[in-house]
Amino acid sequence: MALDPSGVLVAVEVRARRSSRTGVTETTVDVPHVARMGRTLTTYASEARTVHRGLRVDLITLMPLAADPSRWRLRRTPGIG
């Protein structure tokens, strides 16, 4: 869990692929998984009594660059659930 600068409590899902041959990283997170993360975040927020201004689930994806596989592309998609 993380608290963003505006006070929103954020659950972060991180997904990586070693190659684009196995598919697009963003498609590895399905609706039931995001729903479970949202429920877990809600439970955490209520039990931890963390002061926050809202809840959000973000997705971080990592893929190696085609031109230089030793370098990775990182993409953040806020608010997936």
PDB file of N, CA and C in Angstrom:
ATOM      1  N   MET A   1       0.839  -1.169   0.000  1.00  0.00           N
ATOM      2  CA  MET A   1       0.000   0.000   0.000  1.00  0.00           C
ATOM      3  C   MET A   1       0.891   1.242   0.000  1.00  0.00           C
ATOM      4  N   ALA A   2       0.357   2.284  -0.575  1.00  0.00           N
ATOM      5  CA  ALA A   2       1.083   3.550  -0.633  1.00  0.00           C
ATOM      6  C   ALA A   2       0.077   4.684  -0.455  1.00  0.00           C
ATOM      7  N   LEU A   3       0.565   5.806  -0.012  1.00  0.00           N
ATOM      8  CA  LEU A   3      -0.259   6.995   0.131  1.00  0.00           C
ATOM      9  C   LEU A   3       0.264   8.012  -0.866  1.00  0.00           C
ATOM     10  N   ASP A   4      -0.572   8.403  -1.846  1.00  0.00           N
ATOM     11  CA  ASP A   4      -0.079   9.347  -2.848  1.00  0.00           C
ATOM     12  C   ASP A   4      -0.090  10.771  -2.280  1.00  0.00           C
ATOM     13  N   PRO A   5       0.532  11.728  -2.962  1.00  0.00           N
ATOM     14  CA  PRO A   5       0.653  13.092  -2.429  1.00  0.00           C
ATOM     15  C   PRO A   5      -0.682  13.767  -2.119  1.00  0.00           C
ATOM     16  N   SER A   6      -1.760  13.360  -2.778  1.00  0.00           N
ATOM     17  CA  SER A   6      -3.064  13.975  -2.509  1.00  0.00           C
ATOM     18  C   SER A   6      -3.809  13.281  -1.373  1.00  0.00           C
ATOM     19  N   GLY A   7      -3.202  12.250  -0.774  1.00  0.00           N
ATOM     20  CA  GLY A   7      -3.805  11.568   0.363  1.00  0.00           C
ATOM     21  C   GLY A   7      -4.630  10.348   0.011  1.00  0.00           C
ATOM     22  N   VAL A   8      -4.565   9.891  -1.230  1.00  0.00           N
ATOM     23  CA  VAL A   8      -5.299   8.697  -1.649  1.00  0.00           C
ATOM     24  C   VAL A   8      -4.469   7.465  -1.314  1.00  0.00           C
ATOM     25  N   LEU A   9      -5.104   6.485  -0.662  1.00  0.00           N
ATOM     26  CA  LEU A   9      -4.449   5.231  -0.328  1.00  0.00           C
ATOM     27  C   LEU A   9      -4.477   4.339  -1.567  1.00  0.00           C
ATOM     28  N   VAL A  10      -3.305   3.851  -1.981  1.00  0.00           N
ATOM     29  CA  VAL A  10      -3.179   3.144  -3.256  1.00  0.00           C
ATOM     30  C   VAL A  10      -2.627   1.736  -3.041  1.00  0.00           C
ATOM     31  N   ALA A  11      -3.328   0.758  -3.631  1.00  0.00           N
ATOM     32  CA  ALA A  11      -2.788  -0.597  -3.735  1.00  0.00           C
ATOM     33  C   ALA A  11      -2.121  -0.671  -5.100  1.00  0.00           C
ATOM     34  N   VAL A  12      -0.934  -1.247  -5.159  1.00  0.00           N
ATOM     35  CA  VAL A  12      -0.176  -1.277  -6.407  1.00  0.00           C
ATOM     36  C   VAL A  12       0.061  -2.724  -6.814  1.00  0.00           C
ATOM     37  N   GLU A  13      -0.383  -3.068  -8.019  1.00  0.00           N
ATOM     38  CA  GLU A  13      -0.127  -4.382  -8.606  1.00  0.00           C
ATOM     39  C   GLU A  13       1.011  -4.212  -9.604  1.00  0.00           C
ATOM     40  N   VAL A  14       2.041  -5.044  -9.492  1.00  0.00           N
ATOM     41  CA  VAL A  14       3.193  -4.954 -10.392  1.00  0.00           C
ATOM     42  C   VAL A  14       3.254  -6.233 -11.216  1.00  0.00           C
ATOM     43  N   ARG A  15       3.335  -6.075 -12.540  1.00  0.00           N
ATOM     44  CA  ARG A  15       3.416  -7.213 -13.446  1.00  0.00           C
ATOM     45  C   ARG A  15       4.568  -6.999 -14.420  1.00  0.00           C
ATOM     46  N   ALA A  16       5.286  -8.068 -14.731  1.00  0.00           N
ATOM     47  CA  ALA A  16       6.415  -7.984 -15.662  1.00  0.00           C
ATOM     48  C   ALA A  16       6.372  -9.154 -16.631  1.00  0.00           C
ATOM     49  N   ARG A  17       6.892  -8.932 -17.808  1.00  0.00           N
ATOM     50  CA  ARG A  17       7.062  -9.961 -18.823  1.00  0.00           C
ATOM     51  C   ARG A  17       8.504  -9.888 -19.305  1.00  0.00           C
ATOM     52  N   ARG A  18       9.119 -11.021 -19.496  1.00  0.00           N
ATOM     53  CA  ARG A  18      10.488 -11.050 -19.997  1.00  0.00           C
ATOM     54  C   ARG A  18      10.539 -10.854 -21.513  1.00  0.00           C
ATOM     55  N   SER A  19       9.388 -11.102 -22.184  1.00  0.00           N
ATOM     56  CA  SER A  19       9.346 -11.013 -23.639  1.00  0.00           C
ATOM     57  C   SER A  19       7.933 -10.667 -24.087  1.00  0.00           C
ATOM     58  N   SER A  20       7.812  -9.971 -25.201  1.00  0.00           N
ATOM     59  CA  SER A  20       6.495  -9.665 -25.755  1.00  0.00           C
ATOM     60  C   SER A  20       5.873 -10.898 -26.418  1.00  0.00           C
ATOM     61  N   ARG A  21       6.655 -11.956 -26.593  1.00  0.00           N
ATOM     62  CA  ARG A  21       6.131 -13.190 -27.185  1.00  0.00           C
ATOM     63  C   ARG A  21       5.067 -13.835 -26.310  1.00  0.00           C
ATOM     64  N   THR A  22       5.083 -13.558 -25.017  1.00  0.00           N
ATOM     65  CA  THR A  22       4.112 -14.165 -24.102  1.00  0.00           C
ATOM     66  C   THR A  22       2.880 -13.299 -23.910  1.00  0.00           C
ATOM     67  N   GLY A  23       2.769 -12.196 -24.635  1.00  0.00           N
ATOM     68  CA  GLY A  23       1.578 -11.365 -24.550  1.00  0.00           C
ATOM     69  C   GLY A  23       1.845 -10.010 -23.932  1.00  0.00           C
ATOM     70  N   VAL A  24       0.817  -9.200 -23.945  1.00  0.00           N
ATOM     71  CA  VAL A  24       0.894  -7.850 -23.399  1.00  0.00           C
ATOM     72  C   VAL A  24       0.707  -7.911 -21.888  1.00  0.00           C
ATOM     73  N   THR A  25       1.583  -7.257 -21.165  1.00  0.00           N
ATOM     74  CA  THR A  25       1.580  -7.325 -19.711  1.00  0.00           C
ATOM     75  C   THR A  25       0.256  -6.851 -19.111  1.00  0.00           C
ATOM     76  N   GLU A  26      -0.324  -5.792 -19.667  1.00  0.00           N
ATOM     77  CA  GLU A  26      -1.549  -5.224 -19.112  1.00  0.00           C
ATOM     78  C   GLU A  26      -2.705  -6.220 -19.094  1.00  0.00           C
ATOM     79  N   THR A  27      -2.701  -7.173 -20.011  1.00  0.00           N
ATOM     80  CA  THR A  27      -3.815  -8.122 -20.094  1.00  0.00           C
ATOM     81  C   THR A  27      -3.713  -9.255 -19.080  1.00  0.00           C
ATOM     82  N   THR A  28      -2.668  -9.274 -18.262  1.00  0.00           N
ATOM     83  CA  THR A  28      -2.510 -10.356 -17.286  1.00  0.00           C
ATOM     84  C   THR A  28      -3.311 -10.114 -16.020  1.00  0.00           C
ATOM     85  N   VAL A  29      -3.923  -8.958 -15.889  1.00  0.00           N
ATOM     86  CA  VAL A  29      -4.732  -8.647 -14.704  1.00  0.00           C
ATOM     87  C   VAL A  29      -6.192  -8.688 -15.124  1.00  0.00           C
ATOM     88  N   ASP A  30      -6.955  -9.620 -14.541  1.00  0.00           N
ATOM     89  CA  ASP A  30      -8.361  -9.740 -14.927  1.00  0.00           C
ATOM     90  C   ASP A  30      -9.281  -9.056 -13.907  1.00  0.00           C
ATOM     91  N   VAL A  31     -10.541  -8.937 -14.264  1.00  0.00           N
ATOM     92  CA  VAL A  31     -11.531  -8.231 -13.440  1.00  0.00           C
ATOM     93  C   VAL A  31     -11.670  -8.846 -12.042  1.00  0.00           C
ATOM     94  N   PRO A  32     -11.766 -10.171 -11.900  1.00  0.00           N
ATOM     95  CA  PRO A  32     -11.874 -10.738 -10.544  1.00  0.00           C
ATOM     96  C   PRO A  32     -10.661 -10.399  -9.664  1.00  0.00           C
ATOM     97  N   HIS A  33      -9.475 -10.388 -10.255  1.00  0.00           N
ATOM     98  CA  HIS A  33      -8.267 -10.056  -9.487  1.00  0.00           C
ATOM     99  C   HIS A  33      -8.315  -8.610  -8.996  1.00  0.00           C
ATOM    100  N   VAL A  34      -8.709  -7.703  -9.878  1.00  0.00           N
ATOM    101  CA  VAL A  34      -8.816  -6.293  -9.500  1.00  0.00           C
ATOM    102  C   VAL A  34      -9.874  -6.115  -8.416  1.00  0.00           C
ATOM    103  N   ALA A  35     -10.973  -6.841  -8.518  1.00  0.00           N
ATOM    104  CA  ALA A  35     -12.032  -6.764  -7.502  1.00  0.00           C
ATOM    105  C   ALA A  35     -11.514  -7.238  -6.139  1.00  0.00           C
ATOM    106  N   ARG A  36     -10.747  -8.331  -6.139  1.00  0.00           N
ATOM    107  CA  ARG A  36     -10.159  -8.823  -4.876  1.00  0.00           C
ATOM    108  C   ARG A  36      -9.210  -7.789  -4.283  1.00  0.00           C
ATOM    109  N   MET A  37      -8.407  -7.171  -5.131  1.00  0.00           N
ATOM    110  CA  MET A  37      -7.483  -6.139  -4.646  1.00  0.00           C
ATOM    111  C   MET A  37      -8.262  -4.969  -4.030  1.00  0.00           C
ATOM    112  N   GLY A  38      -9.343  -4.582  -4.669  1.00  0.00           N
ATOM    113  CA  GLY A  38     -10.166  -3.492  -4.143  1.00  0.00           C
ATOM    114  C   GLY A  38     -10.749  -3.834  -2.780  1.00  0.00           C
ATOM    115  N   ARG A  39     -11.233  -5.070  -2.630  1.00  0.00           N
ATOM    116  CA  ARG A  39     -11.769  -5.498  -1.330  1.00  0.00           C
ATOM    117  C   ARG A  39     -10.672  -5.534  -0.264  1.00  0.00           C
ATOM    118  N   THR A  40      -9.503  -6.024  -0.655  1.00  0.00           N
ATOM    119  CA  THR A  40      -8.379  -6.067   0.286  1.00  0.00           C
ATOM    120  C   THR A  40      -7.975  -4.659   0.704  1.00  0.00           C
ATOM    121  N   LEU A  41      -7.933  -3.737  -0.231  1.00  0.00           N
ATOM    122  CA  LEU A  41      -7.595  -2.350   0.072  1.00  0.00           C
ATOM    123  C   LEU A  41      -8.620  -1.740   1.022  1.00  0.00           C
ATOM    124  N   THR A  42      -9.895  -1.989   0.782  1.00  0.00           N
ATOM    125  CA  THR A  42     -10.956  -1.471   1.653  1.00  0.00           C
ATOM    126  C   THR A  42     -10.816  -2.023   3.067  1.00  0.00           C
ATOM    127  N   THR A  43     -10.565  -3.320   3.174  1.00  0.00           N
ATOM    128  CA  THR A  43     -10.379  -3.940   4.495  1.00  0.00           C
ATOM    129  C   THR A  43      -9.157  -3.364   5.196  1.00  0.00           C
ATOM    130  N   TYR A  44      -8.065  -3.247   4.460  1.00  0.00           N
ATOM    131  CA  TYR A  44      -6.844  -2.681   5.034  1.00  0.00           C
ATOM    132  C   TYR A  44      -7.097  -1.268   5.556  1.00  0.00           C
ATOM    133  N   ALA A  45      -7.747  -0.449   4.746  1.00  0.00           N
ATOM    134  CA  ALA A  45      -8.001   0.950   5.125  1.00  0.00           C
ATOM    135  C   ALA A  45      -8.856   1.036   6.383  1.00  0.00           C
ATOM    136  N   SER A  46      -9.841   0.154   6.512  1.00  0.00           N
ATOM    137  CA  SER A  46     -10.715   0.218   7.687  1.00  0.00           C
ATOM    138  C   SER A  46     -10.030  -0.310   8.942  1.00  0.00           C
ATOM    139  N   GLU A  47      -9.195  -1.337   8.794  1.00  0.00           N
ATOM    140  CA  GLU A  47      -8.523  -1.914   9.956  1.00  0.00           C
ATOM    141  C   GLU A  47      -7.293  -1.129  10.387  1.00  0.00           C
ATOM    142  N   ALA A  48      -6.585  -0.541   9.446  1.00  0.00           N
ATOM    143  CA  ALA A  48      -5.366   0.203   9.774  1.00  0.00           C
ATOM    144  C   ALA A  48      -5.680   1.612  10.256  1.00  0.00           C
ATOM    145  N   ARG A  49      -6.897   2.045  10.011  1.00  0.00           N
ATOM    146  CA  ARG A  49      -7.338   3.392  10.390  1.00  0.00           C
ATOM    147  C   ARG A  49      -6.383   4.458   9.824  1.00  0.00           C
ATOM    148  N   THR A  50      -5.947   4.210   8.606  1.00  0.00           N
ATOM    149  CA  THR A  50      -5.068   5.137   7.907  1.00  0.00           C
ATOM    150  C   THR A  50      -5.870   6.356   7.456  1.00  0.00           C
ATOM    151  N   VAL A  51      -5.364   7.538   7.729  1.00  0.00           N
ATOM    152  CA  VAL A  51      -6.034   8.753   7.279  1.00  0.00           C
ATOM    153  C   VAL A  51      -5.793   8.882   5.781  1.00  0.00           C
ATOM    154  N   HIS A  52      -6.887   8.892   5.016  1.00  0.00           N
ATOM    155  CA  HIS A  52      -6.764   8.979   3.563  1.00  0.00           C
ATOM    156  C   HIS A  52      -7.966   9.715   2.978  1.00  0.00           C
ATOM    157  N   ARG A  53      -7.839  10.106   1.728  1.00  0.00           N
ATOM    158  CA  ARG A  53      -8.900  10.849   1.042  1.00  0.00           C
ATOM    159  C   ARG A  53      -9.562  10.019  -0.046  1.00  0.00           C
ATOM    160  N   GLY A  54      -9.333   8.756  -0.077  1.00  0.00           N
ATOM    161  CA  GLY A  54      -9.913   7.877  -1.086  1.00  0.00           C
ATOM    162  C   GLY A  54      -9.044   6.654  -1.275  1.00  0.00           C
ATOM    163  N   LEU A  55      -9.535   5.753  -2.110  1.00  0.00           N
ATOM    164  CA  LEU A  55      -8.837   4.501  -2.383  1.00  0.00           C
ATOM    165  C   LEU A  55      -8.672   4.343  -3.889  1.00  0.00           C
ATOM    166  N   ARG A  56      -7.563   3.712  -4.284  1.00  0.00           N
ATOM    167  CA  ARG A  56      -7.312   3.506  -5.708  1.00  0.00           C
ATOM    168  C   ARG A  56      -6.413   2.282  -5.883  1.00  0.00           C
ATOM    169  N   VAL A  57      -6.620   1.550  -6.977  1.00  0.00           N
ATOM    170  CA  VAL A  57      -5.744   0.437  -7.346  1.00  0.00           C
ATOM    171  C   VAL A  57      -5.020   0.839  -8.624  1.00  0.00           C
ATOM    172  N   ASP A  58      -3.686   0.817  -8.600  1.00  0.00           N
ATOM    173  CA  ASP A  58      -2.861   1.153  -9.755  1.00  0.00           C
ATOM    174  C   ASP A  58      -2.157  -0.096 -10.266  1.00  0.00           C
ATOM    175  N   LEU A  59      -1.828  -0.082 -11.540  1.00  0.00           N
ATOM    176  CA  LEU A  59      -1.085  -1.172 -12.160  1.00  0.00           C
ATOM    177  C   LEU A  59       0.251  -0.627 -12.668  1.00  0.00           C
ATOM    178  N   ILE A  60       1.337  -1.310 -12.320  1.00  0.00           N
ATOM    179  CA  ILE A  60       2.670  -1.003 -12.838  1.00  0.00           C
ATOM    180  C   ILE A  60       3.078  -2.182 -13.713  1.00  0.00           C
ATOM    181  N   THR A  61       3.432  -1.906 -14.975  1.00  0.00           N
ATOM    182  CA  THR A  61       3.872  -2.978 -15.865  1.00  0.00           C
ATOM    183  C   THR A  61       5.302  -2.720 -16.314  1.00  0.00           C
ATOM    184  N   LEU A  62       6.029  -3.809 -16.502  1.00  0.00           N
ATOM    185  CA  LEU A  62       7.427  -3.752 -16.956  1.00  0.00           C
ATOM    186  C   LEU A  62       7.592  -4.681 -18.147  1.00  0.00           C
ATOM    187  N   MET A  63       8.235  -4.155 -19.189  1.00  0.00           N
ATOM    188  CA  MET A  63       8.545  -4.938 -20.383  1.00  0.00           C
ATOM    189  C   MET A  63       9.941  -4.554 -20.851  1.00  0.00           C
ATOM    190  N   PRO A  64      10.739  -5.520 -21.308  1.00  0.00           N
ATOM    191  CA  PRO A  64      12.045  -5.150 -21.864  1.00  0.00           C
ATOM    192  C   PRO A  64      11.860  -4.390 -23.175  1.00  0.00           C
ATOM    193  N   LEU A  65      12.730  -3.445 -23.428  1.00  0.00           N
ATOM    194  CA  LEU A  65      12.687  -2.695 -24.680  1.00  0.00           C
ATOM    195  C   LEU A  65      13.153  -3.589 -25.825  1.00  0.00           C
ATOM    196  N   ALA A  66      12.476  -3.525 -26.959  1.00  0.00           N
ATOM    197  CA  ALA A  66      12.838  -4.358 -28.110  1.00  0.00           C
ATOM    198  C   ALA A  66      14.237  -4.014 -28.613  1.00  0.00           C
ATOM    199  N   ALA A  67      14.576  -2.742 -28.616  1.00  0.00           N
ATOM    200  CA  ALA A  67      15.877  -2.307 -29.130  1.00  0.00           C
ATOM    201  C   ALA A  67      17.029  -2.662 -28.198  1.00  0.00           C
ATOM    202  N   ASP A  68      16.750  -2.742 -26.906  1.00  0.00           N
ATOM    203  CA  ASP A  68      17.796  -3.030 -25.921  1.00  0.00           C
ATOM    204  C   ASP A  68      17.179  -3.798 -24.757  1.00  0.00           C
ATOM    205  N   PRO A  69      17.135  -5.132 -24.830  1.00  0.00           N
ATOM    206  CA  PRO A  69      16.483  -5.947 -23.802  1.00  0.00           C
ATOM    207  C   PRO A  69      17.066  -5.799 -22.392  1.00  0.00           C
ATOM    208  N   SER A  70      18.229  -5.158 -22.271  1.00  0.00           N
ATOM    209  CA  SER A  70      18.779  -4.941 -20.932  1.00  0.00           C
ATOM    210  C   SER A  70      18.105  -3.748 -20.255  1.00  0.00           C
ATOM    211  N   ARG A  71      17.331  -2.982 -21.024  1.00  0.00           N
ATOM    212  CA  ARG A  71      16.589  -1.833 -20.482  1.00  0.00           C
ATOM    213  C   ARG A  71      15.105  -2.173 -20.488  1.00  0.00           C
ATOM    214  N   TRP A  72      14.392  -1.661 -19.488  1.00  0.00           N
ATOM    215  CA  TRP A  72      12.982  -1.990 -19.322  1.00  0.00           C
ATOM    216  C   TRP A  72      12.108  -0.753 -19.421  1.00  0.00           C
ATOM    217  N   ARG A  73      10.921  -0.948 -19.954  1.00  0.00           N
ATOM    218  CA  ARG A  73       9.913   0.114 -20.019  1.00  0.00           C
ATOM    219  C   ARG A  73       8.971  -0.082 -18.834  1.00  0.00           C
ATOM    220  N   LEU A  74       8.783   0.945 -18.054  1.00  0.00           N
ATOM    221  CA  LEU A  74       7.882   0.914 -16.907  1.00  0.00           C
ATOM    222  C   LEU A  74       6.695   1.803 -17.232  1.00  0.00           C
ATOM    223  N   ARG A  75       5.492   1.292 -17.014  1.00  0.00           N
ATOM    224  CA  ARG A  75       4.279   2.075 -17.276  1.00  0.00           C
ATOM    225  C   ARG A  75       3.347   1.953 -16.069  1.00  0.00           C
ATOM    226  N   ARG A  76       2.857   3.115 -15.613  1.00  0.00           N
ATOM    227  CA  ARG A  76       1.896   3.121 -14.504  1.00  0.00           C
ATOM    228  C   ARG A  76       0.521   3.449 -15.063  1.00  0.00           C
ATOM    229  N   THR A  77      -0.456   2.628 -14.704  1.00  0.00           N
ATOM    230  CA  THR A  77      -1.841   2.869 -15.080  1.00  0.00           C
ATOM    231  C   THR A  77      -2.619   3.083 -13.787  1.00  0.00           C
ATOM    232  N   PRO A  78      -2.954   4.333 -13.469  1.00  0.00           N
ATOM    233  CA  PRO A  78      -3.685   4.588 -12.225  1.00  0.00           C
ATOM    234  C   PRO A  78      -5.163   4.248 -12.335  1.00  0.00           C
ATOM    235  N   GLY A  79      -5.732   3.856 -11.223  1.00  0.00           N
ATOM    236  CA  GLY A  79      -7.171   3.674 -11.141  1.00  0.00           C
ATOM    237  C   GLY A  79      -7.740   2.536 -11.959  1.00  0.00           C
ATOM    238  N   ILE A  80      -7.124   1.348 -11.899  1.00  0.00           N
ATOM    239  CA  ILE A  80      -7.665   0.221 -12.658  1.00  0.00           C
ATOM    240  C   ILE A  80      -8.856  -0.413 -11.951  1.00  0.00           C
ATOM    241  N   GLY A  81      -9.059  -0.042 -10.729  1.00  0.00           N
ATOM    242  CA  GLY A  81     -10.191  -0.620 -10.005  1.00  0.00           C
ATOM    243  C   GLY A  81     -10.515   0.128  -8.759  1.00  0.00           C
TER     244      GLY A  81
END
